[in-house]
């Protein structure tokens, strides 16, 4: 599979979040052999849990599948730039590479609002690639929030 195919899987998870009236963000974790070993989508509203972000859930799923909290050599594909919490969890899990779709000017911690990985002193720094299927990833968010605005003005 290529980067776009993995991101399309993450987008399918984002669509599941959308269908549940959750902010449509999806993530998949891929092991060094190219298999998807973890997945997740936002579940903050359903779980009543501020940490139930797509990335956190995908990392938890991958760690269970991998049998270790250290996800050496793995990559994460997420439809939206990770927030500070998720960027921290990605680094702490030792994920090697982050691929994300849409930037997040209000909460993105990998370059938009700030860059957590510019802070010196951590023992692990994932590489980051932005913009994988960026337009599609931004569109599902825009559609979701447009629907929220139009339903709140009725």
N, C-alpha and C. Protein backbone atom coordinates (compact mmCIF):
# COMPACT_ATOMS: atom_id res chain seq x y z
N UNK A 1 0.84 -1.20 0.00
CA UNK A 1 0.00 0.00 0.00
C UNK A 1 0.87 1.25 0.00
N UNK A 2 0.31 2.31 -0.51
CA UNK A 2 1.05 3.58 -0.47
C UNK A 2 0.40 4.52 0.54
N UNK A 3 1.02 5.68 0.72
CA UNK A 3 0.56 6.62 1.73
C UNK A 3 -0.91 7.02 1.53
N UNK A 4 -1.30 7.22 0.29
CA UNK A 4 -2.68 7.62 0.03
C UNK A 4 -3.68 6.52 0.41
N UNK A 5 -3.31 5.27 0.19
CA UNK A 5 -4.21 4.17 0.55
C UNK A 5 -4.39 4.08 2.07
N UNK A 6 -3.31 4.25 2.81
CA UNK A 6 -3.43 4.25 4.27
C UNK A 6 -4.28 5.44 4.74
N UNK A 7 -4.08 6.59 4.11
CA UNK A 7 -4.88 7.75 4.50
C UNK A 7 -6.34 7.55 4.15
N UNK A 8 -6.62 6.86 3.06
CA UNK A 8 -8.01 6.56 2.72
C UNK A 8 -8.65 5.67 3.80
N UNK A 9 -7.87 4.77 4.36
CA UNK A 9 -8.39 3.97 5.48
C UNK A 9 -8.71 4.88 6.67
N UNK A 10 -7.79 5.81 6.96
CA UNK A 10 -8.04 6.75 8.05
C UNK A 10 -9.29 7.58 7.76
N UNK A 11 -9.48 7.97 6.52
CA UNK A 11 -10.69 8.72 6.14
C UNK A 11 -11.96 7.90 6.35
N UNK A 12 -11.88 6.60 6.12
CA UNK A 12 -13.05 5.75 6.37
C UNK A 12 -13.40 5.76 7.87
N UNK A 13 -12.38 5.76 8.70
CA UNK A 13 -12.65 5.87 10.15
C UNK A 13 -13.21 7.24 10.50
N UNK A 14 -12.70 8.28 9.85
CA UNK A 14 -13.25 9.62 10.07
C UNK A 14 -14.73 9.66 9.70
N UNK A 15 -15.10 8.97 8.64
CA UNK A 15 -16.51 8.90 8.23
C UNK A 15 -17.37 8.22 9.28
N UNK A 16 -16.80 7.23 9.96
CA UNK A 16 -17.54 6.57 11.05
C UNK A 16 -17.80 7.55 12.18
N UNK A 17 -16.79 8.38 12.49
CA UNK A 17 -16.97 9.40 13.52
C UNK A 17 -18.07 10.37 13.09
N UNK A 18 -18.01 10.81 11.85
CA UNK A 18 -19.02 11.74 11.31
C UNK A 18 -20.42 11.18 11.49
N UNK A 19 -20.59 9.91 11.15
CA UNK A 19 -21.90 9.27 11.25
C UNK A 19 -22.42 9.24 12.69
N UNK A 20 -21.51 9.31 13.65
CA UNK A 20 -21.88 9.29 15.07
C UNK A 20 -21.93 10.70 15.66
N UNK A 21 -21.84 11.71 14.79
CA UNK A 21 -21.85 13.12 15.19
C UNK A 21 -20.63 13.49 16.04
N UNK A 22 -19.52 12.81 15.78
CA UNK A 22 -18.24 13.14 16.38
C UNK A 22 -17.43 13.92 15.35
N UNK A 23 -16.51 14.76 15.81
CA UNK A 23 -15.63 15.46 14.88
C UNK A 23 -14.92 14.39 14.04
N UNK A 24 -15.03 14.46 12.71
CA UNK A 24 -14.57 13.38 11.85
C UNK A 24 -13.05 13.33 11.65
N UNK A 25 -12.41 12.69 12.59
CA UNK A 25 -10.97 12.46 12.51
C UNK A 25 -10.74 10.97 12.67
N UNK A 26 -9.92 10.40 11.79
CA UNK A 26 -9.59 8.99 11.84
C UNK A 26 -8.10 8.78 11.80
N UNK A 27 -7.66 7.63 12.31
CA UNK A 27 -6.23 7.31 12.33
C UNK A 27 -6.02 5.81 12.20
N UNK A 28 -4.92 5.46 11.55
CA UNK A 28 -4.47 4.07 11.51
C UNK A 28 -2.97 4.02 11.81
N UNK A 29 -2.56 2.96 12.50
CA UNK A 29 -1.14 2.70 12.78
C UNK A 29 -0.73 1.52 11.91
N UNK A 30 0.41 1.68 11.25
CA UNK A 30 0.91 0.67 10.31
C UNK A 30 2.26 0.17 10.83
N UNK A 31 2.42 -1.16 10.87
CA UNK A 31 3.68 -1.71 11.35
C UNK A 31 4.75 -1.67 10.25
N UNK A 32 6.00 -2.01 10.57
CA UNK A 32 7.07 -1.93 9.56
C UNK A 32 6.85 -2.82 8.33
N UNK A 33 6.04 -3.85 8.46
CA UNK A 33 5.76 -4.73 7.33
C UNK A 33 4.61 -4.22 6.46
N UNK A 34 3.98 -3.13 6.88
CA UNK A 34 2.91 -2.53 6.08
C UNK A 34 1.50 -2.94 6.47
N UNK A 35 1.36 -3.68 7.57
CA UNK A 35 0.02 -4.09 8.01
C UNK A 35 -0.56 -3.05 8.96
N UNK A 36 -1.85 -2.78 8.81
CA UNK A 36 -2.54 -1.90 9.75
C UNK A 36 -2.75 -2.70 11.03
N UNK A 37 -2.18 -2.21 12.15
CA UNK A 37 -2.28 -2.92 13.43
C UNK A 37 -3.10 -2.16 14.46
N UNK A 38 -3.53 -0.95 14.11
CA UNK A 38 -4.34 -0.18 15.04
C UNK A 38 -5.17 0.84 14.28
N UNK A 39 -6.33 1.14 14.82
CA UNK A 39 -7.19 2.13 14.18
C UNK A 39 -8.04 2.81 15.24
N UNK A 40 -8.54 3.99 14.88
CA UNK A 40 -9.42 4.69 15.79
C UNK A 40 -10.05 5.89 15.12
N UNK A 41 -11.11 6.36 15.73
CA UNK A 41 -11.74 7.61 15.30
C UNK A 41 -12.21 8.32 16.54
N UNK A 42 -12.40 9.62 16.42
CA UNK A 42 -12.81 10.41 17.57
C UNK A 42 -14.05 9.83 18.23
N UNK A 43 -14.01 9.75 19.56
CA UNK A 43 -15.13 9.24 20.34
C UNK A 43 -15.30 10.05 21.63
N UNK A 44 -14.90 11.31 21.58
CA UNK A 44 -14.97 12.14 22.80
C UNK A 44 -16.39 12.30 23.32
N UNK A 45 -17.33 12.57 22.43
CA UNK A 45 -18.71 12.80 22.86
C UNK A 45 -19.34 11.51 23.38
N UNK A 46 -19.17 10.44 22.64
CA UNK A 46 -19.76 9.15 23.03
C UNK A 46 -19.16 8.65 24.35
N UNK A 47 -17.84 8.73 24.46
CA UNK A 47 -17.15 8.22 25.65
C UNK A 47 -17.16 9.21 26.81
N UNK A 48 -17.53 10.47 26.53
CA UNK A 48 -17.46 11.53 27.54
C UNK A 48 -16.04 11.57 28.11
N UNK A 49 -15.06 11.53 27.19
CA UNK A 49 -13.65 11.42 27.55
C UNK A 49 -12.83 12.37 26.67
N UNK A 50 -12.22 13.39 27.25
CA UNK A 50 -11.45 14.34 26.45
C UNK A 50 -10.21 13.74 25.80
N UNK A 51 -9.80 12.55 26.24
CA UNK A 51 -8.63 11.91 25.63
C UNK A 51 -9.00 10.93 24.52
N UNK A 52 -10.26 10.77 24.22
CA UNK A 52 -10.70 9.78 23.22
C UNK A 52 -10.56 10.33 21.80
N UNK A 53 -9.34 10.77 21.48
CA UNK A 53 -9.02 11.23 20.14
C UNK A 53 -8.65 10.03 19.27
N UNK A 54 -8.79 10.19 17.97
CA UNK A 54 -8.50 9.11 17.02
C UNK A 54 -7.10 8.55 17.21
N UNK A 55 -6.11 9.42 17.36
CA UNK A 55 -4.72 8.97 17.49
C UNK A 55 -4.50 8.14 18.75
N UNK A 56 -5.05 8.61 19.86
CA UNK A 56 -4.89 7.90 21.13
C UNK A 56 -5.51 6.51 21.04
N UNK A 57 -6.70 6.43 20.48
CA UNK A 57 -7.38 5.15 20.35
C UNK A 57 -6.64 4.21 19.39
N UNK A 58 -6.10 4.76 18.31
CA UNK A 58 -5.34 3.95 17.36
C UNK A 58 -4.04 3.45 17.99
N UNK A 59 -3.38 4.28 18.78
CA UNK A 59 -2.14 3.87 19.47
C UNK A 59 -2.45 2.78 20.48
N UNK A 60 -3.53 2.94 21.24
CA UNK A 60 -3.92 1.90 22.21
C UNK A 60 -4.19 0.57 21.50
N UNK A 61 -4.93 0.65 20.40
CA UNK A 61 -5.25 -0.55 19.63
C UNK A 61 -3.98 -1.21 19.09
N UNK A 62 -3.09 -0.40 18.54
CA UNK A 62 -1.84 -0.93 17.99
C UNK A 62 -0.97 -1.55 19.08
N UNK A 63 -0.90 -0.91 20.23
CA UNK A 63 -0.08 -1.44 21.33
C UNK A 63 -0.60 -2.80 21.78
N UNK A 64 -1.91 -2.96 21.83
CA UNK A 64 -2.50 -4.25 22.19
C UNK A 64 -2.14 -5.30 21.14
N UNK A 65 -2.25 -4.92 19.88
CA UNK A 65 -1.96 -5.85 18.78
C UNK A 65 -0.47 -6.18 18.74
N UNK A 66 0.36 -5.18 18.92
CA UNK A 66 1.82 -5.31 18.84
C UNK A 66 2.39 -6.02 20.07
N UNK A 67 1.66 -5.94 21.18
CA UNK A 67 2.14 -6.56 22.41
C UNK A 67 3.19 -5.74 23.13
N UNK A 68 3.26 -4.45 22.83
CA UNK A 68 4.23 -3.57 23.46
C UNK A 68 3.77 -2.13 23.29
N UNK A 69 4.10 -1.29 24.24
CA UNK A 69 3.75 0.12 24.12
C UNK A 69 4.72 0.84 23.20
N UNK A 70 5.87 0.25 22.97
CA UNK A 70 6.87 0.84 22.06
C UNK A 70 6.56 0.38 20.64
N UNK A 71 6.13 1.30 19.82
CA UNK A 71 5.73 0.97 18.44
C UNK A 71 6.86 1.30 17.48
N UNK A 72 8.03 0.76 17.76
CA UNK A 72 9.21 1.01 16.94
C UNK A 72 8.95 0.67 15.48
N UNK A 73 9.36 1.56 14.60
CA UNK A 73 9.25 1.33 13.17
C UNK A 73 7.87 1.55 12.59
N UNK A 74 6.90 1.83 13.44
CA UNK A 74 5.52 2.02 12.96
C UNK A 74 5.29 3.45 12.47
N UNK A 75 4.26 3.60 11.68
CA UNK A 75 3.82 4.91 11.19
C UNK A 75 2.36 5.10 11.61
N UNK A 76 1.97 6.35 11.78
CA UNK A 76 0.57 6.67 12.02
C UNK A 76 0.10 7.60 10.92
N UNK A 77 -1.09 7.32 10.42
CA UNK A 77 -1.76 8.14 9.41
C UNK A 77 -2.99 8.72 10.08
N UNK A 78 -3.07 10.03 10.11
CA UNK A 78 -4.20 10.68 10.76
C UNK A 78 -4.72 11.77 9.84
N UNK A 79 -6.02 11.91 9.79
CA UNK A 79 -6.64 12.81 8.81
C UNK A 79 -6.40 14.28 9.12
N UNK A 80 -6.11 14.59 10.39
CA UNK A 80 -5.90 15.98 10.80
C UNK A 80 -4.63 16.06 11.64
N UNK A 81 -3.93 17.15 11.51
CA UNK A 81 -2.71 17.39 12.29
C UNK A 81 -2.96 17.14 13.77
N UNK A 82 -2.15 16.31 14.40
CA UNK A 82 -2.35 16.00 15.82
C UNK A 82 -2.23 17.23 16.73
N UNK A 83 -3.04 17.20 17.80
CA UNK A 83 -2.97 18.22 18.84
C UNK A 83 -1.76 17.93 19.74
N UNK A 84 -1.57 18.77 20.72
CA UNK A 84 -0.44 18.62 21.64
C UNK A 84 -0.47 17.27 22.36
N UNK A 85 -1.63 16.88 22.87
CA UNK A 85 -1.75 15.60 23.57
C UNK A 85 -1.39 14.43 22.65
N UNK A 86 -1.94 14.45 21.45
CA UNK A 86 -1.72 13.34 20.53
C UNK A 86 -0.28 13.32 20.00
N UNK A 87 0.27 14.50 19.72
CA UNK A 87 1.67 14.56 19.28
C UNK A 87 2.58 14.00 20.38
N UNK A 88 2.26 14.31 21.64
CA UNK A 88 3.03 13.76 22.75
C UNK A 88 2.90 12.25 22.84
N UNK A 89 1.68 11.74 22.70
CA UNK A 89 1.45 10.30 22.76
C UNK A 89 2.17 9.59 21.61
N UNK A 90 2.19 10.20 20.45
CA UNK A 90 2.88 9.61 19.30
C UNK A 90 4.37 9.49 19.61
N UNK A 91 4.96 10.55 20.13
CA UNK A 91 6.39 10.51 20.47
C UNK A 91 6.66 9.49 21.58
N UNK A 92 5.82 9.49 22.61
CA UNK A 92 6.03 8.56 23.72
C UNK A 92 5.88 7.10 23.31
N UNK A 93 5.07 6.85 22.29
CA UNK A 93 4.89 5.47 21.82
C UNK A 93 6.01 5.02 20.89
N UNK A 94 6.91 5.94 20.57
CA UNK A 94 8.07 5.66 19.71
C UNK A 94 7.70 5.40 18.26
N UNK A 95 6.52 5.88 17.85
CA UNK A 95 6.15 5.80 16.44
C UNK A 95 7.20 6.54 15.63
N UNK A 96 7.58 5.97 14.51
CA UNK A 96 8.68 6.52 13.71
C UNK A 96 8.25 7.68 12.84
N UNK A 97 7.05 7.57 12.22
CA UNK A 97 6.64 8.58 11.25
C UNK A 97 5.17 8.93 11.41
N UNK A 98 4.89 10.22 11.29
CA UNK A 98 3.52 10.73 11.31
C UNK A 98 3.19 11.26 9.92
N UNK A 99 2.09 10.80 9.37
CA UNK A 99 1.56 11.33 8.13
C UNK A 99 0.19 11.91 8.47
N UNK A 100 -0.03 13.18 8.14
CA UNK A 100 -1.35 13.73 8.38
C UNK A 100 -1.86 14.44 7.15
N UNK A 101 -3.19 14.58 7.11
CA UNK A 101 -3.85 15.18 5.96
C UNK A 101 -3.97 16.68 6.08
N UNK A 102 -4.97 17.14 6.81
CA UNK A 102 -5.28 18.57 6.92
C UNK A 102 -4.56 19.20 8.10
N UNK A 103 -4.12 20.43 7.90
CA UNK A 103 -3.54 21.19 9.00
C UNK A 103 -4.65 21.64 9.94
N UNK A 104 -4.25 21.97 11.17
CA UNK A 104 -5.22 22.40 12.18
C UNK A 104 -4.72 23.68 12.84
N UNK A 105 -5.08 24.84 12.27
CA UNK A 105 -4.55 26.11 12.77
C UNK A 105 -4.88 26.42 14.22
N UNK A 106 -5.97 25.85 14.75
CA UNK A 106 -6.37 26.16 16.13
C UNK A 106 -5.80 25.20 17.17
N UNK A 107 -5.35 24.01 16.75
CA UNK A 107 -4.84 23.06 17.74
C UNK A 107 -3.67 22.21 17.26
N UNK A 108 -3.24 22.39 16.03
CA UNK A 108 -2.18 21.55 15.48
C UNK A 108 -0.84 21.77 16.16
N UNK A 109 -0.26 20.70 16.64
CA UNK A 109 1.00 20.78 17.39
C UNK A 109 2.19 20.25 16.60
N UNK A 110 2.03 20.12 15.28
CA UNK A 110 3.15 19.68 14.45
C UNK A 110 3.45 20.70 13.36
N UNK A 111 3.24 21.97 13.69
CA UNK A 111 3.61 23.02 12.76
C UNK A 111 2.62 24.16 12.62
N UNK A 112 1.35 23.92 12.86
CA UNK A 112 0.36 24.99 12.65
C UNK A 112 0.31 25.96 13.82
N UNK A 113 -0.08 25.48 14.98
CA UNK A 113 -0.15 26.33 16.17
C UNK A 113 1.21 26.38 16.86
N UNK A 114 1.86 25.23 16.92
CA UNK A 114 3.21 25.10 17.48
C UNK A 114 3.81 23.83 16.89
N UNK A 115 5.06 23.55 17.25
CA UNK A 115 5.67 22.30 16.83
C UNK A 115 6.32 21.65 18.03
N UNK A 116 5.63 20.68 18.62
CA UNK A 116 6.13 19.99 19.80
C UNK A 116 7.49 19.36 19.54
N UNK A 117 7.71 18.90 18.33
CA UNK A 117 8.96 18.20 18.04
C UNK A 117 10.14 19.14 17.86
N UNK A 118 9.90 20.46 17.97
CA UNK A 118 11.00 21.43 18.01
C UNK A 118 11.57 21.59 19.42
N UNK A 119 10.84 21.12 20.42
CA UNK A 119 11.30 21.23 21.80
C UNK A 119 12.49 20.29 22.00
N UNK A 120 13.58 20.82 22.48
CA UNK A 120 14.79 20.02 22.68
C UNK A 120 14.71 19.24 23.98
N UNK A 121 15.27 18.03 23.97
CA UNK A 121 15.40 17.25 25.19
C UNK A 121 14.60 15.96 25.23
N UNK A 122 13.65 15.79 24.31
CA UNK A 122 12.91 14.52 24.30
C UNK A 122 13.84 13.41 23.82
N UNK A 123 13.48 12.17 24.14
CA UNK A 123 14.33 11.06 23.72
C UNK A 123 13.88 10.43 22.41
N UNK A 124 12.82 10.96 21.80
CA UNK A 124 12.35 10.42 20.52
C UNK A 124 11.64 11.53 19.73
N UNK A 125 11.97 11.60 18.45
CA UNK A 125 11.35 12.59 17.56
C UNK A 125 10.90 11.90 16.28
N UNK A 126 9.59 11.71 16.12
CA UNK A 126 9.09 11.15 14.87
C UNK A 126 9.31 12.11 13.71
N UNK A 127 9.45 11.57 12.53
CA UNK A 127 9.45 12.42 11.34
C UNK A 127 7.98 12.71 10.98
N UNK A 128 7.76 13.81 10.28
CA UNK A 128 6.40 14.26 9.98
C UNK A 128 6.28 14.58 8.50
N UNK A 129 5.21 14.09 7.89
CA UNK A 129 4.86 14.45 6.52
C UNK A 129 3.42 14.96 6.54
N UNK A 130 3.25 16.18 6.09
CA UNK A 130 1.92 16.82 6.09
C UNK A 130 1.32 16.80 4.70
N UNK A 131 -0.01 16.89 4.64
CA UNK A 131 -0.71 17.11 3.38
C UNK A 131 -1.08 15.87 2.60
N UNK A 132 -0.98 14.67 3.18
CA UNK A 132 -1.37 13.46 2.46
C UNK A 132 -2.90 13.48 2.31
N UNK A 133 -3.38 13.57 1.10
CA UNK A 133 -4.82 13.72 0.79
C UNK A 133 -5.40 14.89 1.58
N UNK A 134 -4.63 15.95 1.69
CA UNK A 134 -5.00 17.10 2.49
C UNK A 134 -6.34 17.70 2.14
N UNK A 135 -6.65 17.82 0.86
CA UNK A 135 -7.93 18.42 0.47
C UNK A 135 -9.11 17.55 0.90
N UNK A 136 -9.00 16.24 0.73
CA UNK A 136 -10.08 15.35 1.14
C UNK A 136 -10.26 15.36 2.65
N UNK A 137 -9.14 15.38 3.36
CA UNK A 137 -9.20 15.40 4.82
C UNK A 137 -9.80 16.71 5.33
N UNK A 138 -9.47 17.81 4.69
CA UNK A 138 -10.04 19.11 5.08
C UNK A 138 -11.52 19.18 4.73
N UNK A 139 -11.91 18.57 3.62
CA UNK A 139 -13.30 18.63 3.16
C UNK A 139 -14.26 17.94 4.12
N UNK A 140 -13.89 16.79 4.66
CA UNK A 140 -14.81 16.10 5.57
C UNK A 140 -15.01 16.93 6.83
N UNK A 141 -13.98 17.62 7.29
CA UNK A 141 -14.12 18.52 8.44
C UNK A 141 -15.01 19.71 8.10
N UNK A 142 -14.75 20.32 6.95
CA UNK A 142 -15.54 21.48 6.53
C UNK A 142 -17.01 21.12 6.40
N UNK A 143 -17.30 19.97 5.81
CA UNK A 143 -18.69 19.53 5.67
C UNK A 143 -19.34 19.33 7.04
N UNK A 144 -18.62 18.71 7.94
CA UNK A 144 -19.14 18.45 9.29
C UNK A 144 -19.49 19.76 9.99
N UNK A 145 -18.54 20.70 10.00
CA UNK A 145 -18.77 21.94 10.73
C UNK A 145 -19.78 22.85 10.01
N UNK A 146 -19.86 22.77 8.69
CA UNK A 146 -20.89 23.51 7.96
C UNK A 146 -22.26 23.01 8.39
N UNK A 147 -22.40 21.70 8.51
CA UNK A 147 -23.66 21.11 8.97
C UNK A 147 -23.99 21.53 10.40
N UNK A 148 -23.00 21.61 11.24
CA UNK A 148 -23.22 22.05 12.63
C UNK A 148 -23.69 23.50 12.67
N UNK A 149 -23.06 24.35 11.87
CA UNK A 149 -23.45 25.77 11.84
C UNK A 149 -24.86 25.94 11.30
N UNK A 150 -25.20 25.21 10.23
CA UNK A 150 -26.53 25.38 9.64
C UNK A 150 -27.61 24.81 10.55
N UNK A 151 -27.34 23.74 11.28
CA UNK A 151 -28.35 23.19 12.17
C UNK A 151 -28.53 24.04 13.43
N UNK A 152 -27.48 24.75 13.83
CA UNK A 152 -27.61 25.59 15.02
C UNK A 152 -28.30 26.92 14.71
N UNK A 153 -28.37 27.28 13.42
CA UNK A 153 -29.02 28.55 13.05
C UNK A 153 -30.49 28.37 12.69
N UNK A 154 -30.98 27.15 12.75
CA UNK A 154 -32.39 26.86 12.43
C UNK A 154 -33.29 27.20 13.58
